[in-house]
Protein backbone atom coordinates (compact mmCIF):
# COMPACT_ATOMS: atom_id res chain seq x y z
CA MET A 1 156.87 102.72 106.74
CA ASN A 2 154.37 104.58 108.91
CA MET A 3 151.09 105.19 107.48
CA LYS A 4 152.26 109.49 107.26
CA VAL A 5 155.15 108.47 105.15
CA ARG A 6 153.12 106.03 103.08
CA GLY A 7 150.32 108.38 102.44
CA ARG A 8 152.99 111.26 101.34
CA THR A 9 154.95 109.08 99.04
CA ASP A 10 151.52 107.92 97.12
CA ILE A 11 150.53 111.74 96.98
CA LEU A 12 154.22 112.30 95.43
CA LEU A 13 153.86 109.55 92.93
CA ILE A 14 150.51 110.81 91.83
CA LEU A 15 151.69 114.34 91.18
CA CYS A 16 154.64 112.52 89.24
CA GLY A 17 152.36 110.83 87.38
CA LEU A 18 149.96 113.93 86.43
CA LEU A 19 153.16 116.09 85.26
CA VAL A 20 154.29 112.98 83.16
CA TRP A 21 150.41 113.31 81.71
CA PHE A 22 150.42 117.24 81.35
CA LEU A 23 153.91 116.97 79.32
CA ALA A 24 152.69 114.16 77.39
CA ASP A 25 149.64 115.90 76.66
CA ALA A 26 150.62 119.56 76.75
CA ASP A 27 148.33 120.60 73.57
CA ARG A 28 144.98 119.07 75.17
CA ILE A 29 146.06 120.43 78.53
CA ARG A 30 146.40 124.21 77.16
CA SER A 31 143.50 124.15 75.05
CA ALA A 32 141.36 122.71 78.42
CA ALA A 33 143.35 125.41 80.71
CA ALA A 34 142.40 127.95 78.11
CA GLN A 35 138.39 126.94 77.71
CA ALA A 36 138.62 127.18 81.59
CA LEU A 37 140.07 130.60 81.85
CA GLU A 38 137.49 131.58 79.27
CA LEU A 39 135.21 130.41 81.62
CA CYS A 40 136.05 131.74 84.90
CA ALA A 41 135.98 135.35 83.06
CA ARG A 42 132.97 134.61 81.73
CA SER A 43 130.69 133.16 84.27
CA VAL A 44 133.10 132.63 87.51
CA ILE A 45 134.37 136.28 88.36
CA PRO A 46 131.22 138.07 87.51
CA ALA A 47 128.74 136.01 89.44
CA MET A 48 131.42 135.73 92.45
CA PHE A 49 133.46 138.63 92.85
CA PRO A 50 130.50 141.02 93.59
CA PHE A 51 128.83 138.44 95.70
CA MET A 52 131.89 137.64 97.79
CA VAL A 53 132.33 141.58 98.38
CA VAL A 54 129.17 142.47 99.52
CA SER A 55 129.13 139.44 102.05
CA GLY A 56 132.09 140.38 103.38
CA LEU A 57 130.93 144.10 104.26
CA LEU A 58 127.42 142.14 105.77
CA VAL A 59 129.47 140.07 107.95
CA SER A 60 132.11 142.99 109.04
CA LEU A 61 129.09 145.64 109.41
CA GLY A 62 127.45 143.45 111.57
CA PHE A 63 124.45 141.73 109.30
CA GLY A 64 124.83 138.41 111.37
CA ALA A 65 124.54 139.94 114.72
CA TRP A 66 121.14 142.14 113.17
CA ILE A 67 119.25 139.35 111.90
CA SER A 68 120.50 137.04 114.76
CA PRO A 69 117.04 137.98 116.72
CA HIS A 70 114.89 137.90 114.00
CA LEU A 71 115.67 134.08 112.60
CA ALA A 72 116.91 132.62 116.05
CA GLY A 73 113.29 131.35 116.53
CA CYS A 74 113.77 128.88 113.36
CA MET A 75 117.87 128.58 113.42
CA THR A 76 118.43 127.17 117.27
CA PRO A 77 115.53 124.84 117.55
CA LEU A 78 116.00 123.37 114.11
CA PHE A 79 120.05 123.29 113.77
CA ARG A 80 120.92 123.97 117.38
CA LEU A 81 122.90 127.17 116.04
CA PRO A 82 122.23 130.78 117.21
CA GLY A 83 120.81 133.50 114.61
CA CYS A 84 123.65 134.95 113.31
CA ALA A 85 124.38 131.62 111.63
CA SER A 86 121.13 132.32 109.53
CA SER A 87 123.77 134.81 107.54
CA ALA A 88 125.91 132.35 106.09
CA LEU A 89 122.87 130.23 104.70
CA LEU A 90 121.27 132.74 103.13
CA LEU A 91 124.26 134.19 101.72
CA GLY A 92 124.99 130.66 101.00
CA LEU A 93 121.85 130.14 98.89
CA VAL A 94 121.85 133.46 97.34
CA GLY A 95 126.00 133.89 96.00
CA GLY A 96 126.82 130.34 95.62
CA TYR A 97 130.10 128.53 96.17
CA PRO A 98 132.22 129.15 98.57
CA ILE A 99 130.13 132.64 100.04
CA GLY A 100 128.56 130.40 102.60
CA ALA A 101 131.87 128.49 103.87
CA GLN A 102 133.19 132.05 103.80
CA THR A 103 130.98 133.72 105.83
CA ALA A 104 131.00 130.99 108.51
CA ALA A 105 134.25 131.39 109.05
CA GLY A 106 133.98 135.03 109.14
CA LEU A 107 131.19 134.64 111.85
CA TYR A 108 133.81 132.22 113.61
CA ARG A 109 136.46 135.08 113.24
CA ASP A 110 134.51 137.78 114.79
CA ARG A 111 133.15 135.11 117.88
CA LEU A 112 130.01 135.24 116.95
CA LEU A 113 129.81 131.31 116.82
CA THR A 114 131.87 128.93 118.90
CA ARG A 115 134.37 126.60 116.76
CA GLU A 116 131.57 123.65 116.98
CA GLU A 117 128.92 125.50 115.93
CA ALA A 118 131.04 126.87 112.85
CA GLN A 119 131.85 123.49 112.04
CA ARG A 120 128.43 122.50 112.15
CA LEU A 121 127.01 125.34 110.02
CA LEU A 122 129.73 124.16 107.71
CA THR A 123 128.06 121.18 106.66
CA PHE A 124 125.06 122.88 105.12
CA CYS A 125 125.80 126.64 104.25
CA ASN A 126 127.90 125.95 101.22
CA ASN A 127 125.52 125.91 98.58
CA ALA A 128 125.04 126.35 94.71
CA ASN A 129 124.28 129.40 92.93
CA PRO A 130 120.67 129.82 92.20
CA VAL A 131 121.63 131.58 88.71
CA PHE A 132 123.92 128.21 88.01
CA LEU A 133 120.73 126.14 88.77
CA ILE A 134 118.06 128.13 86.93
CA CYS A 135 119.25 129.58 84.14
CA VAL A 136 122.43 127.58 83.46
CA LEU A 137 121.15 124.06 84.05
CA GLY A 138 116.75 124.92 83.82
CA ALA A 139 117.13 126.91 80.93
CA GLY A 140 120.18 126.00 79.05
CA VAL A 141 120.68 122.19 79.19
CA PHE A 142 116.20 121.44 80.22
CA GLY A 143 115.31 124.57 77.97
CA SER A 144 112.71 125.36 81.24
CA VAL A 145 113.09 128.03 83.84
CA ARG A 146 110.64 125.62 85.39
CA VAL A 147 112.57 122.86 85.69
CA GLY A 148 115.60 125.13 86.77
CA VAL A 149 113.36 126.36 90.09
CA TRP A 150 112.97 122.60 90.75
CA LEU A 151 116.39 122.12 90.73
CA TRP A 152 116.91 125.18 93.21
CA LEU A 153 114.07 124.15 95.59
CA ILE A 154 115.52 120.63 95.81
CA HIS A 155 118.91 121.90 96.35
CA VAL A 156 117.69 124.13 99.33
CA ALA A 157 115.93 121.60 100.95
CA SER A 158 118.61 118.83 100.89
CA ALA A 159 120.64 121.57 102.34
CA LEU A 160 118.14 121.91 105.49
CA LEU A 161 117.95 118.16 105.27
CA THR A 162 121.51 118.03 105.29
CA GLY A 163 121.76 120.73 108.68
CA LEU A 164 118.67 118.52 110.61
CA VAL A 165 121.33 115.60 110.27
CA PHE A 166 124.10 117.29 111.36
CA ARG A 167 122.04 119.34 114.25
CA LYS A 168 123.43 116.53 116.96
CA SER A 169 126.98 116.49 115.69
CA GLY A 170 129.54 117.75 118.48
CA HIS A 171 129.16 118.41 121.47
CA SER A 172 128.12 121.45 123.11
CA THR A 173 130.00 124.15 124.05
CA ALA A 174 129.69 126.89 126.74
CA ARG A 175 129.83 130.32 125.13
CA GLN A 176 129.17 134.10 126.03
CA ASP A 177 126.06 135.43 125.18
CA VAL A 178 127.19 136.78 121.48
CA SER A 179 124.02 138.62 120.96
CA ARG A 180 126.29 141.72 123.24
CA LEU A 181 129.30 141.24 121.75
CA PHE A 182 129.50 143.29 118.58
CA PRO A 183 132.84 143.64 117.59
CA CYS A 184 132.22 144.26 114.14
CA GLN A 185 130.48 147.47 115.10
CA THR A 186 133.76 148.90 115.55
CA VAL A 187 134.78 148.69 111.87
CA SER A 188 134.36 152.00 109.64
CA LEU A 189 132.97 151.64 106.43
CA ALA A 190 135.98 152.48 104.80
CA GLY A 191 138.05 149.72 106.41
CA ALA A 192 135.38 147.24 106.13
CA PHE A 193 135.11 147.89 102.16
CA ALA A 194 139.15 147.61 102.00
CA GLU A 195 139.06 144.08 103.90
CA ALA A 196 136.11 142.99 102.06
CA MET A 197 137.71 143.95 98.51
CA ARG A 198 140.85 142.37 99.74
CA THR A 199 139.30 139.27 100.68
CA ALA A 200 136.96 139.04 97.52
CA LEU A 201 140.02 139.01 95.56
CA ASN A 202 142.02 136.54 96.90
CA GLY A 203 139.02 134.33 97.20
CA THR A 204 138.38 134.75 93.77
CA LEU A 205 141.70 134.34 92.47
CA ALA A 206 141.88 131.31 94.59
CA VAL A 207 138.65 130.00 93.35
CA CYS A 208 139.39 130.59 89.67
CA ALA A 209 142.40 128.91 90.14
CA SER A 210 140.81 125.72 91.64
CA VAL A 211 138.42 125.95 88.26
CA VAL A 212 141.38 125.85 85.74
CA LEU A 213 142.88 122.58 87.47
CA PHE A 214 140.12 120.64 88.20
CA TYR A 215 138.86 121.49 84.67
CA VAL A 216 141.99 120.26 83.37
CA LEU A 217 141.73 117.10 85.57
CA ALA A 218 138.40 116.19 84.24
CA THR A 219 139.42 115.87 80.69
CA PRO A 220 139.71 112.31 80.68
CA PHE A 221 136.00 111.90 82.12
CA ARG A 222 134.76 114.14 79.17
CA ALA A 223 136.20 112.36 76.89
CA LEU A 224 134.32 108.98 77.71
CA GLY A 225 130.79 110.52 77.09
CA GLY A 226 127.68 109.16 78.42
CA LEU A 227 126.00 109.06 81.74
CA ALA A 228 129.34 107.52 83.13
CA GLY A 229 131.50 110.28 81.82
CA ALA A 230 129.16 112.99 83.10
CA ALA A 231 128.53 111.42 86.34
CA LEU A 232 132.29 111.12 86.91
CA THR A 233 132.95 114.87 85.35
CA GLY A 234 130.09 116.04 87.96
CA THR A 235 132.63 114.48 90.34
CA VAL A 236 135.36 116.37 89.33
CA GLU A 237 134.39 119.97 88.68
CA LEU A 238 130.70 121.26 87.93
CA PHE A 239 130.95 123.47 85.33
CA SER A 240 132.67 120.85 83.33
CA LEU A 241 129.42 118.72 83.88
CA VAL A 242 127.28 121.49 81.80
CA PRO A 243 127.54 120.49 78.34
CA LEU A 244 127.72 116.76 79.10
CA LEU A 245 124.11 116.59 80.33
CA THR A 246 120.66 115.18 78.59
CA PRO A 247 117.57 116.77 79.01
CA ASN A 248 115.76 113.45 80.59
CA ARG A 249 115.49 112.17 83.57
CA ALA A 250 118.70 110.68 84.22
CA GLY A 251 120.20 114.40 83.60
CA PHE A 252 117.86 115.78 86.11
CA ILE A 253 118.63 112.96 88.99
CA LEU A 254 122.59 113.80 87.79
CA ALA A 255 122.58 117.36 87.82
CA ALA A 256 120.54 117.61 90.79
CA ALA A 257 122.84 115.46 92.79
CA CYS A 258 126.30 116.43 91.54
CA ALA A 259 124.55 120.40 92.36
CA GLY A 260 124.61 119.05 95.94
CA TRP A 261 128.05 117.57 95.85
CA GLY A 262 129.77 120.47 94.02
CA GLY A 263 132.80 118.49 93.03
CA PHE A 264 136.25 118.53 94.46
CA SER A 265 136.82 121.90 92.77
CA VAL A 266 134.06 123.54 95.18
CA LEU A 267 135.85 121.23 98.02
CA PHE A 268 139.51 122.81 97.20
CA GLN A 269 137.66 126.19 96.92
CA THR A 270 136.10 125.73 100.35
CA ILE A 271 139.54 124.67 101.55
CA ALA A 272 141.37 128.16 100.26
CA VAL A 273 138.81 130.37 101.67
CA LEU A 274 138.91 128.50 105.09
CA GLU A 275 142.69 129.06 105.06
CA GLY A 276 143.87 130.43 108.49
CA SER A 277 140.29 130.35 110.07
CA GLY A 278 141.25 127.62 112.57
CA LEU A 279 138.10 125.75 110.84
CA HIS A 280 138.77 122.06 109.35
CA PRO A 281 137.35 121.51 105.66
CA VAL A 282 135.91 118.17 106.45
CA SER A 283 132.55 119.42 107.99
CA CYS A 284 132.07 120.45 104.51
CA LEU A 285 133.15 117.25 102.72
CA ARG A 286 130.70 115.40 105.18
CA GLY A 287 128.07 117.73 104.63
CA LYS A 288 128.34 117.81 100.70
CA LEU A 289 127.91 113.64 100.45
CA VAL A 290 125.20 113.58 102.26
CA GLN A 291 123.41 116.82 100.63
CA SER A 292 123.99 115.10 97.49
CA LEU A 293 122.60 111.98 98.44
CA PHE A 294 119.40 113.80 99.23
CA SER A 295 119.49 116.25 96.29
CA GLY A 296 119.68 113.09 93.83
CA LEU A 297 116.40 110.99 95.72
CA LEU A 298 114.73 114.46 95.85
CA ALA A 299 115.13 114.61 92.21
CA ALA A 300 113.87 111.38 91.49
CA ALA A 301 110.81 112.02 93.32
CA VAL A 302 110.17 115.16 91.83
CA SER A 303 111.30 113.93 88.08
CA LEU A 304 108.27 111.72 88.25
CA LEU A 305 106.06 114.68 88.24
CA LEU A 306 107.51 116.67 85.64
């Protein structure tokens, strides 16, 4: 049996095991799914859909090309990327997961980035929402907006450090001077708005589906309790981690590290928004692993000052 057939067999066995679990524990599964749907309605959709619409409009109407000359002096020497790549980084830091990845895919689709550049950009442009870090984690868990701001600063710093780590990955690709190619400028406002709405709706539905599934899958880890249970839960789904965090140094480090990783839920959300773009999500996986490590180390250092 070759590796490909064996791998598919393993996946089928895992899925059969999940199906048996869902049937055997149907009441708890339904309850967890209902909680996840409530979470999506209360937090995920309001925080994500407007940002996805606006970020889609910005990319379609030329935000990347417009900002390119202003930030090329930073993006090119630091990350070996054109200035337009800064739009994915900025929108990802403001809008949260997976808007950075969606924006990077849009830049690649509009030929403002080469494939190699877009893959490198994916390693550090997909980041957590500052509202989640400052309000949900900082104020909600630790009772301090100041702590939340520190979590956000750590997150930003770890993303930039991750970009520096991967700046030399891949190979240089000859490409046309995209500063003179503005295919997005030919798009009408009405057409761009309609496309942004469709893309945002599809992306939001995919994200909510991912949140519900992984919230359910994290149920056994939430039941474990303690630091180990919280760490395993954060590895799977970020929102499920919030009620398990303790307002102490260990909780602060864990919150930073898990926010940097994002969880398997975010990875599958990213796969959903990259579908059909021609970009491979393995870049996101590599980047989030490195960013999580940087986030944990920075949080450990900062926690000595708090």
